[in-house]
Structures are given as structure tokens and as C-alpha cells.
Amino acid sequence: MIKKTVSDVDKALEGVADGMTFMLGGFGLCGIPENAIAQLVKLEIMDITCISNNAGVDDFGLGLLLQNHQIKKMISSYVGENDEFERQMLSGELEVELTPQGTLAEKCRAAQAGFPAFYTPAGYGTEVAEGKETREFDGKMYVLEPAYQADFSFVKAWKGDEAGNLIFKGTARNFNPCMCGAAKITVAEVEELVPAGSLDPNAIHIPGIFVQRIFQGEKYEKRIEQRTVRQKG
């Protein structure tokens, strides 16, 4: 039986270094790899490129890396919840590549599947397509988008087993699955780590072949970006 478990987040992030490119799963603050991000902050890894749908908020998620000026380039889709991100982008301190959300997901999935690039109609005729190859198919124009190239993917799952098989929960199933196997090394942190064979094969979302390291996460805050509740009475 192949075991991909590591003892803790320190072992899970062995090999990370300055200047690397990281994929980070999650949607907003849902399903983000909180332990991995905290470890990157602790290690003070600098000049990194982060590929993530969101950029966190000022004091949580990728916002913690932005606070420390550890991120050189941010590749993302939605960045509207982070004042520090805005400040760094407008001041020129942070390089930003905004990507249509579906294109971002597909660039991850293409890397996962081993495809070097793909055609998409999203972004044609806009600045997104500047400098890129375009081609017509059946009377419609498409943009050639290259797959991402990353050193590490950091994902967070609800359950996982010692062989690296993963089950995601709710909205966390958005960007996490397509980032598994899309980098040289995929590190999965899970809320619950179980022995191999414990998971229902029909419930597994990502097989262990896409995961190199898995560990039991801890102290998840699971923050909500904007909590809206009805007033009493």
C-alpha cells in the first residue's frame, strides 16, 4: 500500500523556496489551505507567484502573505476584498495578472491533464488576448491560453486517506480539485485523515495519483468573507 502521509505541515512543505510558483485552492475563504499558507508566512518565502481565484482578505488567507510582501506576482480572478492588495497593485509593488474565472480554472485543469494549451472564446477582443495567438473555429474567434506551470499545489479537502484520495465538501470543490496534480508537487491538507480503504470509492473526488503529500490539518478558522444575518425583531 502506497502511503503519502507526512507527519505535519513542516514536512509537507519541504522544498519550497524563494521565487517559486504556487497554486492555492479554495473559493473566497472557503476551502483554502490555511495550514500551508501559515507555514509559508512562517518560512518567509519571498518573491513568489501565487495562482488563486481570490487574494484573501487583509488579515487572512493570502492576505497574510501580501502583508509580508512575500508575493511578487498574483494571478487571480476576483480580488475585491483586499485593501492591501489594491494598494500594492496601484503602487506598482505587486505584479497582477487578472484572468477570467473559467479560464483560470481551465488553465489549472489543462496542467492537470498534461495539455500544454487550449483555445477559449473568453477574452477575445479584450486586453486579455493581447499578445496571444487567436484562431477562428466555425466562424467564432478563440484565444490560445497556455496551461499553468507551478512548483507546488496546495489544496484543502474535507476528508482524505493515507493513499492521497480526497473528498471535498461544498464550495471547496471549486478550484481545489483542478489544482491537484497541476503542479510538480501537490500537497493536500485535510480536516480528517483516515486509513487507506476507509473511503467509499464512489465518493472520492480526486484519486491519490494526483497527490504527492497529505497531512492532517488543524485549527481551521473557516472564516466567512461577509457575514450577513437578519436583525432580531
Protein backbone atom coordinates (compact mmCIF):
# COMPACT_ATOMS: atom_id res chain seq x y z
CA MET A 1 0.00 0.00 0.00
CA ILE A 2 1.35 3.42 -1.02
CA LYS A 3 1.34 5.85 1.91
CA LYS A 4 1.63 9.54 1.14
CA THR A 5 1.13 10.87 4.65
CA VAL A 6 3.62 13.23 6.23
CA SER A 7 3.70 14.00 9.92
CA ASP A 8 2.98 17.72 9.81
CA VAL A 9 2.94 20.88 7.73
CA ASP A 10 6.72 21.32 8.15
CA LYS A 11 7.36 18.05 6.32
CA ALA A 12 4.60 18.77 3.81
CA LEU A 13 6.25 21.99 2.64
CA GLU A 14 9.81 20.70 2.42
CA GLY A 15 11.43 22.02 -0.75
CA VAL A 16 9.58 25.31 -1.06
CA ALA A 17 11.93 28.15 -1.93
CA ASP A 18 12.08 31.79 -2.94
CA GLY A 19 10.90 32.61 -6.45
CA MET A 20 8.63 29.57 -6.84
CA THR A 21 5.13 29.48 -8.30
CA PHE A 22 2.34 28.11 -6.10
CA MET A 23 -1.26 27.15 -6.81
CA LEU A 24 -3.59 27.62 -3.85
CA GLY A 25 -7.06 26.12 -3.84
CA GLY A 26 -10.29 27.49 -2.44
CA PHE A 27 -13.05 29.88 -3.40
CA GLY A 28 -13.07 33.14 -1.49
CA LEU A 29 -12.16 32.00 2.01
CA CYS A 30 -13.93 28.66 1.53
CA GLY A 31 -11.67 25.63 1.36
CA ILE A 32 -8.37 27.49 1.42
CA PRO A 33 -5.23 25.63 2.63
CA GLU A 34 -4.95 27.57 5.88
CA ASN A 35 -2.12 25.48 7.34
CA ALA A 36 0.02 25.69 4.20
CA ILE A 37 -0.44 29.46 3.96
CA ALA A 38 0.51 29.91 7.62
CA GLN A 39 3.63 27.83 7.05
CA LEU A 40 4.64 29.93 4.02
CA VAL A 41 4.31 33.01 6.22
CA LYS A 42 6.42 31.36 8.91
CA LEU A 43 9.13 30.31 6.43
CA GLU A 44 9.27 33.86 4.99
CA ILE A 45 9.45 32.56 1.43
CA MET A 46 9.89 35.61 -0.82
CA ASP A 47 9.32 36.65 -4.46
CA ILE A 48 6.65 34.02 -5.02
CA THR A 49 3.97 33.85 -7.71
CA CYS A 50 0.55 32.77 -6.45
CA ILE A 51 -2.19 31.32 -8.64
CA SER A 52 -5.52 31.50 -6.82
CA ASN A 53 -9.06 32.52 -7.66
CA ASN A 54 -9.03 35.07 -4.83
CA ALA A 55 -6.38 37.04 -2.97
CA GLY A 56 -7.75 36.52 0.52
CA VAL A 57 -8.66 39.41 2.81
CA ASP A 58 -6.36 41.82 4.62
CA ASP A 59 -5.72 39.67 7.69
CA PHE A 60 -6.43 36.15 6.48
CA GLY A 61 -5.61 33.74 3.68
CA LEU A 62 -3.27 35.09 1.03
CA GLY A 63 -3.67 38.48 2.64
CA LEU A 64 -1.15 37.34 5.25
CA LEU A 65 1.46 36.76 2.54
CA LEU A 66 0.65 40.14 0.99
CA GLN A 67 1.11 41.84 4.35
CA ASN A 68 4.66 40.48 4.49
CA HIS A 69 5.35 41.44 0.87
CA GLN A 70 6.14 37.81 0.09
CA ILE A 71 4.14 37.74 -3.15
CA LYS A 72 5.83 39.15 -6.25
CA LYS A 73 3.05 38.28 -8.72
CA MET A 74 -0.61 37.44 -8.20
CA ILE A 75 -2.54 35.50 -10.85
CA SER A 76 -6.21 35.53 -9.94
CA SER A 77 -9.76 36.31 -10.97
CA TYR A 78 -11.50 38.14 -8.12
CA VAL A 79 -9.54 40.46 -5.84
CA GLY A 80 -12.16 42.83 -4.47
CA GLU A 81 -11.91 42.05 -0.74
CA ASN A 82 -8.34 43.06 -0.03
CA ASP A 83 -7.31 46.69 0.56
CA GLU A 84 -3.61 45.84 0.85
CA PHE A 85 -3.77 44.02 -2.48
CA GLU A 86 -5.28 47.13 -4.06
CA ARG A 87 -2.62 49.37 -2.52
CA GLN A 88 0.27 47.20 -3.71
CA MET A 89 -1.20 46.84 -7.19
CA LEU A 90 -1.83 50.57 -7.68
CA SER A 91 1.61 51.47 -6.31
CA GLY A 92 3.34 49.03 -8.64
CA GLU A 93 4.72 46.90 -5.80
CA LEU A 94 2.74 43.85 -6.95
CA GLU A 95 2.52 42.40 -10.43
CA VAL A 96 -1.05 41.34 -11.17
CA GLU A 97 -2.43 39.12 -13.92
CA LEU A 98 -6.24 39.15 -13.88
CA THR A 99 -7.75 36.13 -15.62
CA PRO A 100 -11.38 35.27 -16.42
CA GLN A 101 -12.55 32.83 -13.76
CA GLY A 102 -13.39 29.99 -16.14
CA THR A 103 -10.11 30.44 -17.98
CA LEU A 104 -8.19 30.31 -14.70
CA ALA A 105 -9.89 27.04 -13.80
CA GLU A 106 -9.24 25.56 -17.24
CA LYS A 107 -5.56 26.60 -17.21
CA CYS A 108 -5.25 24.59 -13.99
CA ARG A 109 -7.19 21.65 -15.40
CA ALA A 110 -5.11 21.65 -18.58
CA ALA A 111 -1.94 21.44 -16.49
CA GLN A 112 -3.50 18.60 -14.51
CA ALA A 113 -4.33 16.70 -17.72
CA GLY A 114 -0.94 17.34 -19.32
CA PHE A 115 -2.23 19.64 -22.06
CA PRO A 116 0.17 22.49 -22.91
CA ALA A 117 -2.59 24.89 -24.01
CA PHE A 118 -6.21 25.20 -25.14
CA TYR A 119 -8.47 27.53 -27.12
CA THR A 120 -11.20 29.56 -25.42
CA PRO A 121 -13.53 32.32 -26.68
CA ALA A 122 -13.28 34.12 -23.31
CA GLY A 123 -11.35 37.35 -23.55
CA TYR A 124 -11.19 37.64 -27.34
CA GLY A 125 -11.15 41.28 -28.41
CA THR A 126 -10.07 42.47 -24.96
CA GLU A 127 -6.72 43.15 -23.30
CA VAL A 128 -6.82 39.54 -22.04
CA ALA A 129 -5.98 38.44 -25.60
CA GLU A 130 -3.16 40.90 -26.21
CA GLY A 131 -0.01 39.16 -27.44
CA LYS A 132 -1.73 35.77 -27.66
CA GLU A 133 -2.46 33.61 -30.67
CA THR A 134 -6.06 33.74 -31.91
CA ARG A 135 -7.84 31.40 -34.30
CA GLU A 136 -11.24 31.02 -35.89
CA PHE A 137 -13.33 27.88 -35.43
CA ASP A 138 -16.73 27.62 -37.16
CA GLY A 139 -16.97 31.37 -37.53
CA LYS A 140 -16.07 32.15 -33.91
CA MET A 141 -12.77 33.57 -32.67
CA TYR A 142 -10.79 31.88 -29.90
CA VAL A 143 -7.73 32.75 -27.82
CA LEU A 144 -4.92 30.25 -27.22
CA GLU A 145 -4.25 30.08 -23.49
CA PRO A 146 -1.20 28.20 -22.11
CA ALA A 147 -1.60 25.85 -19.18
CA TYR A 148 -0.12 26.98 -15.89
CA GLN A 149 3.28 25.80 -14.74
CA ALA A 150 3.66 25.62 -10.96
CA ASP A 151 6.12 24.14 -8.49
CA PHE A 152 3.59 23.29 -5.75
CA SER A 153 -0.18 22.99 -5.50
CA PHE A 154 -1.59 23.50 -2.01
CA VAL A 155 -5.14 22.20 -1.61
CA LYS A 156 -7.53 21.61 1.26
CA ALA A 157 -10.01 18.72 1.42
CA TRP A 158 -12.68 17.65 3.88
CA LYS A 159 -11.51 14.03 4.08
CA GLY A 160 -8.51 12.17 2.75
CA ASP A 161 -6.86 8.82 3.23
CA GLU A 162 -3.25 7.72 3.58
CA ALA A 163 -3.05 6.98 -0.16
CA GLY A 164 -3.94 10.57 -1.02
CA ASN A 165 -7.54 10.04 -2.14
CA LEU A 166 -9.60 13.16 -1.44
CA ILE A 167 -13.20 14.19 -0.80
CA PHE A 168 -14.12 17.87 -0.94
CA LYS A 169 -17.14 19.50 0.65
CA GLY A 170 -19.46 22.13 -0.79
CA THR A 171 -17.89 25.17 -2.46
CA ALA A 172 -14.40 23.90 -1.60
CA ARG A 173 -14.89 21.60 -4.61
CA ASN A 174 -14.48 24.57 -6.93
CA PHE A 175 -10.75 25.18 -7.54
CA ASN A 176 -9.18 22.59 -5.24
CA PRO A 177 -9.80 19.52 -7.47
CA CYS A 178 -8.46 21.06 -10.69
CA MET A 179 -5.26 22.13 -8.92
CA CYS A 180 -4.49 18.58 -7.77
CA GLY A 181 -1.77 17.19 -9.99
CA ALA A 182 -1.43 20.51 -11.82
CA ALA A 183 1.98 21.26 -10.28
CA LYS A 184 5.18 19.31 -9.80
CA ILE A 185 4.14 18.51 -6.22
CA THR A 186 0.61 18.55 -4.80
CA VAL A 187 0.24 18.92 -1.04
CA ALA A 188 -3.18 18.20 0.46
CA GLU A 189 -4.22 19.18 3.95
CA VAL A 190 -7.39 17.57 5.26
CA GLU A 191 -9.82 18.04 8.12
CA GLU A 192 -9.99 14.30 8.65
CA LEU A 193 -7.27 11.80 7.69
CA VAL A 194 -8.36 8.15 7.60
CA PRO A 195 -6.67 4.83 6.79
CA ALA A 196 -6.50 3.77 3.15
CA GLY A 197 -9.59 1.82 2.18
CA SER A 198 -11.86 3.71 4.58
CA LEU A 199 -13.41 5.98 1.95
CA ASP A 200 -16.25 4.90 -0.32
CA PRO A 201 -14.62 4.69 -3.79
CA ASN A 202 -17.76 6.16 -5.33
CA ALA A 203 -17.47 9.27 -3.13
CA ILE A 204 -13.83 10.10 -3.94
CA HIS A 205 -13.45 13.29 -5.98
CA ILE A 206 -9.68 13.14 -6.61
CA PRO A 207 -7.70 9.88 -6.67
CA GLY A 208 -4.40 9.68 -4.85
CA ILE A 209 -2.40 9.52 -8.09
CA PHE A 210 -2.74 13.32 -8.23
CA VAL A 211 -1.39 13.87 -4.70
CA GLN A 212 2.22 13.54 -3.50
CA ARG A 213 1.85 14.56 0.16
CA ILE A 214 -1.08 14.58 2.57
CA PHE A 215 -1.32 15.63 6.21
CA GLN A 216 -3.83 16.20 8.97
CA GLY A 217 -4.63 19.91 9.21
CA GLU A 218 -5.53 21.68 12.43
CA LYS A 219 -7.13 24.79 13.92
CA TYR A 220 -9.23 25.72 10.89
CA GLU A 221 -10.97 29.07 11.28
CA LYS A 222 -13.19 28.68 8.20
CA ARG A 223 -13.89 32.39 8.07
CA ILE A 224 -16.80 33.91 6.16
CA GLU A 225 -15.84 36.89 3.99
CA GLN A 226 -19.01 38.89 4.58
CA ARG A 227 -21.44 37.55 7.14
CA THR A 228 -24.95 38.83 6.53
CA VAL A 229 -27.62 38.00 9.10
CA ARG A 230 -31.16 39.17 9.72
CA GLN A 231 -31.63 41.63 12.57
CA LYS A 232 -33.62 40.46 15.58
CA GLY A 233 -37.22 41.58 15.82
